[in-house]
Structure formats: structure tokens, C-alpha cells
Amino acid sequence: MDRADNFPKKIRIGIIGAGPAGLTTALAIEYYDRKKRFEVTLFERNSSPTDYPGVEYGIQERACRAFERIGIREKALHRSLRARKITFYNSRLEKKFRPIELDGDWTRHVVRQEFVADLVGLVKRAKLLTNHEIVSVRPNEDRSVTLKANIGEGRNEEFTFDAVLSCDGSSSTTRSQLFPMQDEKRDQGFSCIYMMLEAEKPLEAEERYLAMTNAGVSNLIMGEEATLTTFPLGKGRAAYGIGFDHQSRGHLWSRFDLDPDTEWADIPANTREALARRLVEDACAHDPFYAEMLKHVQDWMSPRVYLWAMEDTDPLHPPYGETGNVLAIGDAAHVLLPTIGMGASTAIEDGEMLGRFLVEGSAGVPGPEVFRQQFADSVAKPYAAERTEVWDDLVRRARTAAEINFTDQHERKRFAVGPQIPHRTASRLVSAIEKAARAAGV
């Protein structure tokens, strides 16, 4: 007899968002829930979790180790490129800085759509509902939570869960409705244009371009107005991230006869290309190669070419509701600037740890009614005590890197290298997490 037969009533968990945080949480619950006590439903507002317009994720050590703990590291990352090094160069000063050497076993580059598709493929028991946009989150008197989902054509449907995990990103419905006093986004003074470069015929592409895409080396190159970051993705693919502050944006937009408030969606393809070229030429004045490689952007109007105004949030304190069983993780709890490449990795670590805390917190609980009453004390509060220190530290590091590497660049003579080092922001905390997991016997 399956041990789950001892618990005829499942504990119902709703997860809002099927990105890295939500999918990893579902996968962690499946791994740790040996008694199959949990029934998990994932809600995705798009027609597929891969529809989000992101280009690239840097999967850092903290995320790789989280995947390792739930037995999916190689399966989740089988299409990744191993990272070897980050180089730093100030073209204005013609000065190189010491590179950071990386361990490719624990630091990877992935194409977002491929990576998310692979995570979806690993989910076995959780139900995934696409085209379900959560429009309201309502705590109930018994601490259960009711979600109202817009399922299209003006129709809504309601779902009630014993606990809801908010993994719905920087525009979180949960955060805006249940934590309105902590929902303020902070403008950090700069923007980034992200784009995918992909050779139509990789085997025929330039040798140097192929080396850039396949060698596992990222480059940060600072100019007068812009900083270019290159991300290798393998198979003749790379991503560019071009960062520039608001002052530079105003000057640049005016050069191309654009109103300062012109939205990216309203800028035509040829102007987008010209803007990107101007910024890359500024950052890489020493080497025209990087601007020339913009020819490998296949479609300038694609969702894989987008402008991201850099905003973050202070982490939620606490990240759980007082009246209902709602807990926020990932960008719903802490929007990290991309300046240290830790956003997705922290969300993945959040999800793996939350899956473990949920299962541990349900141990000895006879059923969902008791679980609902004990969720705050047995899951939410101990989880928050473990994670908020991490979130605070990483938000601070990301802001430091932004201030030094992306704003008022004409005055800068160095890089904020320290916050970029993955193991420096992970090793002590990862060791503590793994020690706790071993002590718990998982």
C-alpha cells in the first residue's frame, strides 16, 4: 500500500508563476514529498512558461547546488554552456582588470526559453494551468487562500488552496495586493538593452564570433556612456546587455529625434539597431568587432530584443501574509538588479529551500486543516528567518555594482568586481543550507 493512502486528504498548494522560482518549488516538493501528501497546481499567465521575453540566465553556484540537492542538476542544465571566466576592460582608460576564473561545473549559461522548457519537462506530478492570469489573492478565515484567475474572454475561475506560494515575478499580484506598503519599485538610474545574437549558419560564422559564443567567457567592457556585457550561449549564440544611465539615455534618444519618454515598443527596428550600435561603439571604442557582431541579431522587433529600465525593490519583511497562508519568493519577494547575475539563481535556491521547508513543516501533521493552522509557524516564519538575510545581502551587492559600473560612467576608473564573484556571495550560505539539509536527513 502506498504510504500516501494514510493521508486521504491532500495538502493543496497553489504556485503563482511558472518561471524558475515556481518550477523549482514544484520540483523540490516532488523530490522531498516521499509520502505524496501534496497536490500542487502551477498557474502561468502566458500560453507557455517559455513566452517570457528574457534572453539569458547565468546559473550560479547557489542554483547549481540547489538542483544537485533535488537530483536534477545535469537534467536541468543539459543544454547549458559551462562558464570559464569573466573579463573586465575600461576602453576609455585602455585598462584591463584582473579576470574572475569560474568553475564550469557550478556556473553555467543558459538560453532562458530552453532552460524553462527543460524544467517544465521535469515536472511529473504538479498540474500546470496556462493562460491563467491571477487577478486577486484572497485570504480566508480558516487561513486557506482563494485565487481568482482570468482564463480569457472575460471569464474568471476561482481556486482555493491550503497555502499559496507567490512566484509571479517583479509585477507580482500578491505583492501589490497583500503587501502594498512594500510594493514600491526603486529606479536605480539606468537601463539595459538586451538582445540575442544568433548566427544563421553557425559553422560558417566568423572564427572570432564562434569563439565568443562557445568559449564560456563573459566580457564587461566600460566606455564613456555605456557598459557592454557579453554572455556566451553556445552553438553560435550570444547575448548582449548594454547598460547606460538616464543622462546618457536622454542624450541618445534626442540624437535620434526621439522624445525622452518614447517607449521601446514604439521605436522602429532600424532605430533600435542604430541606438544599440551607437552604445556598443561607445563601450568598445578600442575594438570594432563587438559592434560588427550586431549583424547577428536576427529580428530587431523580436521579444528577444528589449529595453529593461533598471528598478528593484527592498526585500519583503516579512514575505508572508498575516491573515492567510501566502508566502512570496523570487522576484515577488526581492527584485534584484541583474548587475551581479544572481536573480534567477537566487529564485531557484528560494524554490528548492521552500520545497524542503514545506515538507518538513508538514511532518506529523494529520491533515490539511492542521497544516493550514500551523503553516505560519512551521513553514513561513522559519523560511523567512533563513532567507531574508540572503536577500538583503544580494540586493545591497547588486546596487553597489550598479552604482559603480553603470551610472556616471565618465567618472569611473574601476569596476565593482567584488559583488560579481559568485562564490563570494554563495559559499558560506550554501554550506549552511547543505548542512541544514543533511541534518534534516534530506
Protein backbone atom coordinates (compact mmCIF):
# COMPACT_ATOMS: atom_id res chain seq x y z
CA MET A 1 0.00 0.00 0.00
CA ASP A 2 1.32 3.45 -0.90
CA ARG A 3 2.09 5.42 2.23
CA ALA A 4 0.03 8.25 0.76
CA ASP A 5 -3.07 6.14 1.49
CA ASN A 6 -2.61 7.02 5.16
CA PHE A 7 -3.40 10.64 4.21
CA PRO A 8 -6.55 10.57 2.08
CA LYS A 9 -6.77 14.37 2.05
CA LYS A 10 -4.01 16.06 0.09
CA ILE A 11 -2.45 19.34 1.16
CA ARG A 12 -3.28 21.69 -1.70
CA ILE A 13 -0.55 24.11 -2.76
CA GLY A 14 -1.07 26.82 -5.37
CA ILE A 15 2.00 28.30 -7.04
CA ILE A 16 1.55 31.58 -8.92
CA GLY A 17 4.08 31.75 -11.75
CA ALA A 18 5.84 29.01 -13.72
CA GLY A 19 9.25 30.62 -14.07
CA PRO A 20 12.45 29.38 -12.40
CA ALA A 21 11.16 30.04 -8.86
CA GLY A 22 7.77 28.40 -9.32
CA LEU A 23 9.02 25.42 -11.31
CA THR A 24 11.89 24.74 -8.91
CA THR A 25 9.48 24.89 -5.97
CA ALA A 26 7.22 22.33 -7.65
CA LEU A 27 10.20 20.09 -8.44
CA ALA A 28 11.52 20.36 -4.88
CA ILE A 29 8.13 19.42 -3.42
CA GLU A 30 8.03 16.38 -5.70
CA TYR A 31 11.52 15.36 -4.60
CA TYR A 32 11.11 15.83 -0.84
CA ASP A 33 7.46 14.72 -0.62
CA ARG A 34 8.14 10.99 -0.47
CA LYS A 35 4.70 10.33 1.05
CA LYS A 36 2.97 12.23 -1.77
CA ARG A 37 0.93 14.33 0.63
CA PHE A 38 0.95 17.46 -1.54
CA GLU A 39 -1.19 18.33 -4.53
CA VAL A 40 0.44 21.18 -6.44
CA THR A 41 -1.07 23.47 -9.08
CA LEU A 42 1.06 25.93 -11.06
CA PHE A 43 -0.56 28.99 -12.64
CA GLU A 44 1.03 30.57 -15.71
CA ARG A 45 -0.47 33.72 -17.22
CA ASN A 46 1.01 33.09 -20.68
CA SER A 47 0.20 30.31 -23.12
CA SER A 48 3.53 28.73 -22.15
CA PRO A 49 6.14 29.39 -19.44
CA THR A 50 8.62 29.97 -22.27
CA ASP A 51 6.72 33.02 -23.58
CA TYR A 52 8.51 35.47 -21.27
CA PRO A 53 10.79 37.74 -23.35
CA GLY A 54 14.04 37.10 -21.45
CA VAL A 55 17.18 36.01 -23.29
CA GLU A 56 19.76 34.52 -20.93
CA TYR A 57 20.27 33.31 -17.38
CA GLY A 58 23.55 32.94 -15.59
CA ILE A 59 23.08 29.88 -13.40
CA GLN A 60 25.43 30.43 -10.49
CA GLU A 61 26.79 28.00 -7.92
CA ARG A 62 23.95 28.54 -5.47
CA ALA A 63 21.42 27.43 -8.11
CA CYS A 64 23.51 24.50 -9.36
CA ARG A 65 23.82 23.20 -5.82
CA ALA A 66 20.09 23.61 -5.27
CA PHE A 67 19.45 21.48 -8.35
CA GLU A 68 22.04 18.98 -7.12
CA ARG A 69 20.19 18.60 -3.82
CA ILE A 70 17.00 17.57 -5.61
CA GLY A 71 18.80 15.35 -8.10
CA ILE A 72 18.23 17.30 -11.33
CA ARG A 73 21.41 19.32 -11.91
CA GLU A 74 22.50 17.69 -15.15
CA LYS A 75 18.98 17.18 -16.46
CA ALA A 76 18.05 20.81 -15.84
CA LEU A 77 21.31 22.10 -17.33
CA HIS A 78 21.98 19.63 -20.13
CA ARG A 79 21.72 22.41 -22.74
CA SER A 80 23.83 24.88 -20.78
CA LEU A 81 27.27 26.24 -21.60
CA ARG A 82 29.93 25.96 -18.91
CA ALA A 83 31.24 29.34 -17.80
CA ARG A 84 35.01 29.75 -17.54
CA LYS A 85 35.82 33.39 -16.97
CA ILE A 86 34.61 36.99 -16.66
CA THR A 87 36.92 39.65 -18.11
CA PHE A 88 36.82 43.40 -17.37
CA TYR A 89 38.05 46.23 -19.59
CA ASN A 90 37.71 50.02 -19.49
CA SER A 91 38.06 51.18 -23.09
CA ARG A 92 38.15 54.85 -22.10
CA LEU A 93 41.22 54.24 -19.94
CA GLU A 94 42.50 51.40 -22.14
CA LYS A 95 42.90 49.37 -18.99
CA LYS A 96 42.35 45.68 -18.28
CA PHE A 97 41.35 44.41 -14.87
CA ARG A 98 42.06 41.03 -13.36
CA PRO A 99 39.54 38.47 -14.67
CA ILE A 100 37.46 36.19 -12.49
CA GLU A 101 38.05 32.49 -13.09
CA LEU A 102 34.91 30.34 -12.82
CA ASP A 103 34.25 26.66 -12.21
CA GLY A 104 32.19 25.43 -15.15
CA ASP A 105 30.77 22.56 -13.11
CA TRP A 106 28.95 25.07 -10.94
CA THR A 107 28.46 28.11 -13.18
CA ARG A 108 26.50 27.86 -16.43
CA HIS A 109 24.94 29.99 -19.14
CA VAL A 110 21.51 29.04 -20.47
CA VAL A 111 19.06 30.34 -23.05
CA ARG A 112 16.01 31.21 -21.00
CA GLN A 113 13.41 29.56 -23.21
CA GLU A 114 15.37 26.29 -23.45
CA PHE A 115 16.07 26.22 -19.74
CA VAL A 116 12.47 26.84 -18.69
CA ALA A 117 11.22 24.25 -21.20
CA ASP A 118 13.59 21.69 -19.67
CA LEU A 119 12.34 22.48 -16.15
CA VAL A 120 8.74 22.07 -17.31
CA GLY A 121 9.66 18.69 -18.77
CA LEU A 122 11.00 17.52 -15.40
CA VAL A 123 7.75 18.25 -13.53
CA LYS A 124 5.86 14.98 -13.08
CA ARG A 125 3.02 15.39 -10.58
CA ALA A 126 2.17 19.08 -10.42
CA LYS A 127 -0.62 20.40 -12.63
CA LEU A 128 0.30 23.32 -14.91
CA LEU A 129 -2.52 25.68 -15.91
CA THR A 130 -1.52 28.07 -18.69
CA ASN A 131 -3.43 31.18 -19.78
CA HIS A 132 -4.46 31.61 -16.14
CA GLU A 133 -3.64 35.15 -15.02
CA ILE A 134 -4.16 35.60 -11.30
CA VAL A 135 -6.11 38.81 -10.71
CA SER A 136 -6.84 38.51 -6.99
CA VAL A 137 -5.44 36.74 -3.94
CA ARG A 138 -7.95 36.44 -1.08
CA PRO A 139 -7.05 35.01 2.34
CA ASN A 140 -9.94 33.23 4.07
CA GLU A 141 -10.89 32.95 7.75
CA ASP A 142 -9.55 29.39 8.00
CA ARG A 143 -6.19 30.63 6.57
CA SER A 144 -6.81 28.98 3.20
CA VAL A 145 -6.34 31.24 0.18
CA THR A 146 -8.61 31.71 -2.82
CA LEU A 147 -7.15 32.73 -6.17
CA LYS A 148 -9.22 34.28 -8.92
CA ALA A 149 -7.80 33.62 -12.37
CA ASN A 150 -8.67 35.35 -15.62
CA ILE A 151 -8.86 32.50 -18.13
CA GLY A 152 -9.68 34.62 -21.17
CA GLU A 153 -12.72 36.02 -22.97
CA GLY A 154 -13.81 37.84 -19.83
CA ARG A 155 -14.15 34.63 -17.82
CA ASN A 156 -12.82 34.13 -14.30
CA GLU A 157 -12.36 30.97 -12.27
CA GLU A 158 -11.64 30.57 -8.56
CA PHE A 159 -9.34 28.05 -6.86
CA THR A 160 -8.83 27.54 -3.12
CA PHE A 161 -5.62 26.20 -1.56
CA ASP A 162 -4.24 25.40 1.87
CA ALA A 163 -1.27 27.62 1.03
CA VAL A 164 -0.28 29.82 -1.90
CA LEU A 165 3.31 30.46 -2.96
CA SER A 166 3.79 33.66 -4.91
CA CYS A 167 6.46 33.24 -7.60
CA ASP A 168 4.97 35.71 -10.07
CA GLY A 169 7.94 38.00 -10.52
CA SER A 170 8.55 41.71 -10.27
CA SER A 171 4.94 42.63 -11.16
CA SER A 172 3.55 40.28 -8.53
CA THR A 173 -0.20 40.45 -7.97
CA THR A 174 0.33 39.06 -4.48
CA ARG A 175 2.83 41.74 -3.54
CA SER A 176 0.69 44.60 -4.84
CA GLN A 177 -2.49 43.34 -3.13
CA LEU A 178 -1.24 41.92 0.17
CA PHE A 179 1.93 43.97 0.72
CA PRO A 180 1.03 47.38 -0.78
CA MET A 181 3.23 49.30 1.65
CA GLN A 182 6.27 47.35 0.41
CA ASP A 183 5.48 47.37 -3.30
CA GLU A 184 7.47 50.45 -4.27
CA LYS A 185 9.98 49.90 -7.06
CA ARG A 186 13.19 51.89 -6.83
CA ASP A 187 14.56 53.45 -10.00
CA GLN A 188 18.31 52.78 -9.95
CA GLY A 189 19.16 55.36 -12.60
CA PHE A 190 19.98 53.26 -15.64
CA SER A 191 18.56 51.00 -18.33
CA CYS A 192 19.78 47.98 -20.29
CA ILE A 193 19.08 46.84 -23.82
CA TYR A 194 19.22 43.05 -24.04
CA MET A 195 19.41 41.11 -27.27
CA MET A 196 20.08 37.66 -28.66
CA LEU A 197 22.78 37.24 -31.30
CA GLU A 198 22.47 34.08 -33.36
CA ALA A 199 24.37 33.15 -36.50
CA GLU A 200 22.06 31.76 -39.17
CA LYS A 201 24.76 29.28 -40.19
CA PRO A 202 26.99 28.79 -37.13
CA LEU A 203 29.57 26.67 -38.93
CA GLU A 204 30.13 29.46 -41.44
CA ALA A 205 30.29 32.32 -38.92
CA GLU A 206 33.45 34.27 -38.20
CA GLU A 207 36.02 32.39 -36.16
CA ARG A 208 36.23 35.09 -33.51
CA TYR A 209 32.45 35.27 -33.20
CA LEU A 210 32.25 31.50 -32.70
CA ALA A 211 34.97 31.73 -30.06
CA MET A 212 32.98 34.42 -28.26
CA THR A 213 29.81 32.32 -28.29
CA ASN A 214 31.34 28.96 -27.37
CA ALA A 215 34.35 29.62 -25.14
CA GLY A 216 32.46 30.29 -21.90
CA VAL A 217 33.96 33.76 -21.39
CA SER A 218 31.81 36.77 -20.47
CA ASN A 219 33.14 40.27 -21.04
CA LEU A 220 32.31 43.50 -19.22
CA ILE A 221 33.53 46.48 -21.25
CA MET A 222 33.05 50.02 -19.95
CA GLY A 223 33.02 53.07 -22.21
CA GLU A 224 32.19 56.74 -21.81
CA GLU A 225 28.41 56.30 -21.79
CA ALA A 226 27.72 52.57 -21.85
CA THR A 227 28.85 49.26 -20.43
CA LEU A 228 28.57 46.18 -22.63
CA THR A 229 28.27 42.72 -21.12
CA THR A 230 28.54 39.71 -23.43
CA PHE A 231 27.13 36.33 -22.45
CA PRO A 232 28.20 33.21 -24.42
CA LEU A 233 25.37 30.74 -25.03
CA GLY A 234 26.97 28.16 -27.32
CA LYS A 235 26.02 26.95 -30.82
CA GLY A 236 26.80 30.30 -32.41
CA ARG A 237 24.62 32.23 -29.95
CA ALA A 238 25.39 35.01 -27.51
CA ALA A 239 23.55 37.70 -25.60
CA TYR A 240 24.45 41.35 -25.28
CA GLY A 241 23.43 43.52 -22.36
CA ILE A 242 24.10 47.22 -22.92
CA GLY A 243 23.77 49.33 -19.78
CA PHE A 244 23.57 53.14 -19.76
CA ASP A 245 22.37 55.73 -17.27
CA HIS A 246 19.38 58.05 -17.62
CA GLN A 247 21.51 61.03 -18.61
CA SER A 248 23.07 59.08 -21.47
CA ARG A 249 19.65 57.80 -22.47
CA GLY A 250 18.30 61.34 -22.72
CA HIS A 251 21.19 62.45 -24.92
CA LEU A 252 20.99 59.36 -27.09
CA TRP A 253 17.23 59.48 -27.62
CA SER A 254 17.47 63.14 -28.66
CA ARG A 255 20.18 62.33 -31.21
CA PHE A 256 17.72 60.06 -32.94
CA ASP A 257 14.86 62.59 -32.72
CA LEU A 258 13.04 60.55 -30.09
CA ASP A 259 11.06 62.03 -27.25
CA PRO A 260 12.78 61.15 -23.94
CA ASP A 261 9.69 59.21 -22.88
CA THR A 262 9.37 57.19 -26.09
CA GLU A 263 8.59 53.57 -25.22
CA TRP A 264 10.78 50.83 -26.64
CA ALA A 265 7.76 49.23 -28.30
CA ASP A 266 7.27 52.42 -30.33
CA ILE A 267 10.84 52.54 -31.68
CA PRO A 268 11.21 51.04 -35.19
CA ALA A 269 13.71 48.30 -35.98
CA ASN A 270 16.24 50.46 -37.82
CA THR A 271 16.34 52.98 -34.96
CA ARG A 272 16.72 50.23 -32.38
CA GLU A 273 19.70 48.89 -34.29
CA ALA A 274 21.23 52.35 -34.61
CA LEU A 275 20.79 53.02 -30.87
CA ALA A 276 22.41 49.71 -29.95
CA ARG A 277 25.26 50.25 -32.39
CA ARG A 278 25.98 53.72 -31.02
CA LEU A 279 26.14 52.37 -27.46
CA VAL A 280 28.31 49.37 -28.35
CA GLU A 281 30.69 51.60 -30.30
CA ASP A 282 30.99 53.80 -27.23
CA ALA A 283 31.66 50.91 -24.87
CA CYS A 284 34.05 49.17 -27.25
CA ALA A 285 35.82 52.11 -28.88
CA HIS A 286 39.01 50.04 -28.78
CA ASP A 287 37.60 47.16 -30.84
CA PRO A 288 35.00 47.45 -33.66
CA PHE A 289 34.37 43.69 -33.57
CA TYR A 290 31.61 43.95 -30.96
CA ALA A 291 29.58 46.46 -32.98
CA GLU A 292 30.08 44.47 -36.17
CA MET A 293 28.59 41.40 -34.50
CA LEU A 294 25.23 43.16 -34.15
CA LYS A 295 24.58 41.83 -37.65
CA HIS A 296 23.75 38.52 -35.94
CA VAL A 297 20.63 39.99 -34.33
CA GLN A 298 18.02 38.25 -36.44
CA ASP A 299 14.99 40.44 -35.73
CA TRP A 300 15.21 43.82 -34.02
CA MET A 301 11.46 43.77 -33.28
CA SER A 302 11.64 40.35 -31.62
CA PRO A 303 10.81 39.88 -27.90
CA ARG A 304 14.45 38.80 -27.65
CA VAL A 305 15.46 42.44 -28.14
CA TYR A 306 14.10 44.58 -25.34
CA LEU A 307 14.78 47.56 -23.11
CA TRP A 308 14.75 46.98 -19.37
CA ALA A 309 14.52 50.02 -17.10
CA MET A 310 16.51 49.04 -14.05
CA GLU A 311 14.31 49.01 -10.98
CA ASP A 312 14.50 46.89 -7.87
CA THR A 313 12.67 46.55 -4.57
CA ASP A 314 13.65 46.18 -0.98
CA PRO A 315 13.04 42.57 0.10
CA LEU A 316 9.71 41.85 1.74
CA HIS A 317 9.93 41.80 5.52
CA PRO A 318 8.20 39.50 6.25
CA PRO A 319 7.47 37.73 2.93
CA TYR A 320 4.33 36.03 4.25
CA GLY A 321 0.78 37.12 4.95
CA GLU A 322 -0.52 37.71 8.45
CA THR A 323 -4.09 36.53 7.81
CA GLY A 324 -3.68 33.79 5.21
CA ASN A 325 -1.13 31.21 4.14
CA VAL A 326 0.66 33.20 1.44
CA LEU A 327 4.43 33.25 1.03
CA ALA A 328 6.38 35.17 -1.64
CA ILE A 329 9.75 34.13 -3.07
CA GLY A 330 11.93 35.03 -6.05
CA ASP A 331 11.30 38.41 -7.66
CA ALA A 332 7.90 38.56 -5.97
CA ALA A 333 9.81 38.93 -2.69
CA HIS A 334 13.01 40.65 -3.84
CA VAL A 335 13.62 42.20 -7.25
CA LEU A 336 17.37 42.00 -7.80
CA LEU A 337 19.19 44.15 -10.32
CA PRO A 338 20.96 41.98 -12.92
CA THR A 339 24.32 43.57 -12.15
CA ILE A 340 25.64 40.54 -10.25
CA GLY A 341 23.79 37.88 -12.23
CA MET A 342 22.04 36.42 -9.19
CA GLY A 343 18.33 36.98 -9.90
CA ALA A 344 17.42 33.61 -11.40
CA SER A 345 19.91 31.73 -9.23
CA THR A 346 18.51 33.18 -6.01
CA ALA A 347 14.97 32.39 -7.15
CA ILE A 348 15.99 28.78 -7.84
CA GLU A 349 17.61 28.48 -4.43
CA ASP A 350 14.50 30.06 -2.88
CA GLY A 351 12.31 27.43 -4.53
CA GLU A 352 14.40 24.42 -3.57
CA MET A 353 14.59 25.51 0.05
CA LEU A 354 10.88 26.28 0.20
CA GLY A 355 10.03 22.81 -1.09
CA ARG A 356 12.08 21.30 1.71
CA PHE A 357 10.59 23.60 4.37
CA LEU A 358 7.06 22.73 3.23
CA VAL A 359 7.65 19.00 3.52
CA GLU A 360 9.49 19.30 6.83
CA GLY A 361 6.77 21.59 8.15
CA SER A 362 4.08 19.04 7.35
CA ALA A 363 5.80 16.17 9.16
CA GLY A 364 3.46 14.70 11.75
CA VAL A 365 0.56 16.88 10.64
CA PRO A 366 -2.58 14.72 10.35
CA GLY A 367 -4.21 16.63 7.51
CA PRO A 368 -4.72 19.90 5.63
CA GLU A 369 -6.83 21.53 8.35
CA VAL A 370 -4.00 21.33 10.88
CA PHE A 371 -1.43 22.23 8.20
CA ARG A 372 -3.30 25.45 7.48
CA GLN A 373 -3.22 26.46 11.13
CA GLN A 374 0.47 25.60 11.54
CA PHE A 375 1.78 26.93 8.21
CA ALA A 376 2.92 30.30 9.55
CA ASP A 377 4.90 28.87 12.46
CA SER A 378 6.18 25.67 10.85
CA VAL A 379 6.94 26.93 7.32
CA ALA A 380 6.67 30.66 6.66
CA LYS A 381 8.46 32.09 9.69
CA PRO A 382 11.43 29.69 9.75
CA TYR A 383 11.81 30.03 5.98
CA ALA A 384 11.83 33.82 6.21
CA ALA A 385 14.36 33.71 9.04
CA GLU A 386 16.65 31.66 6.79
CA ARG A 387 16.24 33.67 3.58
CA THR A 388 15.81 37.36 4.35
CA GLU A 389 19.47 37.77 5.32
CA VAL A 390 20.45 36.36 1.93
CA TRP A 391 18.05 38.65 0.07
CA ASP A 392 19.22 41.76 1.92
CA ASP A 393 22.86 40.95 1.18
CA LEU A 394 22.32 40.35 -2.53
CA VAL A 395 20.14 43.43 -3.05
CA ARG A 396 22.88 45.53 -1.47
CA ARG A 397 25.60 43.95 -3.61
CA ALA A 398 23.61 44.43 -6.81
CA ARG A 399 23.03 48.10 -6.02
CA THR A 400 26.73 48.62 -5.33
CA ALA A 401 27.66 47.07 -8.68
CA ALA A 402 25.06 49.22 -10.45
CA GLU A 403 26.32 52.43 -8.89
CA ILE A 404 29.93 51.78 -9.86
CA ASN A 405 29.55 50.01 -13.20
CA PHE A 406 26.55 51.63 -14.86
CA THR A 407 25.93 55.19 -13.62
CA ASP A 408 28.04 58.33 -14.09
CA GLN A 409 30.44 56.21 -16.11
CA HIS A 410 32.56 59.04 -17.41
CA GLU A 411 33.82 59.48 -13.85
CA ARG A 412 34.56 55.81 -13.21
CA LYS A 413 38.05 54.38 -13.21
CA ARG A 414 37.38 50.90 -11.87
CA PHE A 415 34.86 48.07 -11.77
CA ALA A 416 32.88 46.87 -8.79
CA VAL A 417 34.40 43.43 -9.15
CA GLY A 418 33.73 42.15 -5.63
CA PRO A 419 29.94 41.76 -5.92
CA GLN A 420 30.41 39.90 -9.22
CA ILE A 421 32.18 36.94 -7.65
CA PRO A 422 29.63 34.11 -7.45
CA HIS A 423 31.34 32.08 -4.72
CA ARG A 424 31.81 35.13 -2.54
CA THR A 425 28.06 35.64 -2.35
CA ALA A 426 27.29 31.97 -2.05
CA SER A 427 29.85 29.78 -0.30
CA ARG A 428 29.07 30.43 3.37
CA LEU A 429 25.34 30.45 2.81
CA VAL A 430 25.38 27.39 0.55
CA SER A 431 27.40 25.47 3.13
CA ALA A 432 24.89 26.39 5.84
CA ILE A 433 21.98 25.30 3.64
CA GLU A 434 23.57 21.95 2.83
CA LYS A 435 24.46 21.38 6.48
CA ALA A 436 20.83 22.00 7.44
CA ALA A 437 19.64 19.65 4.70
CA ARG A 438 21.96 16.89 5.90
CA ALA A 439 20.83 17.39 9.49
CA ALA A 440 17.23 17.03 8.34
CA GLY A 441 18.11 13.81 6.55
CA VAL A 442 17.25 15.08 3.07
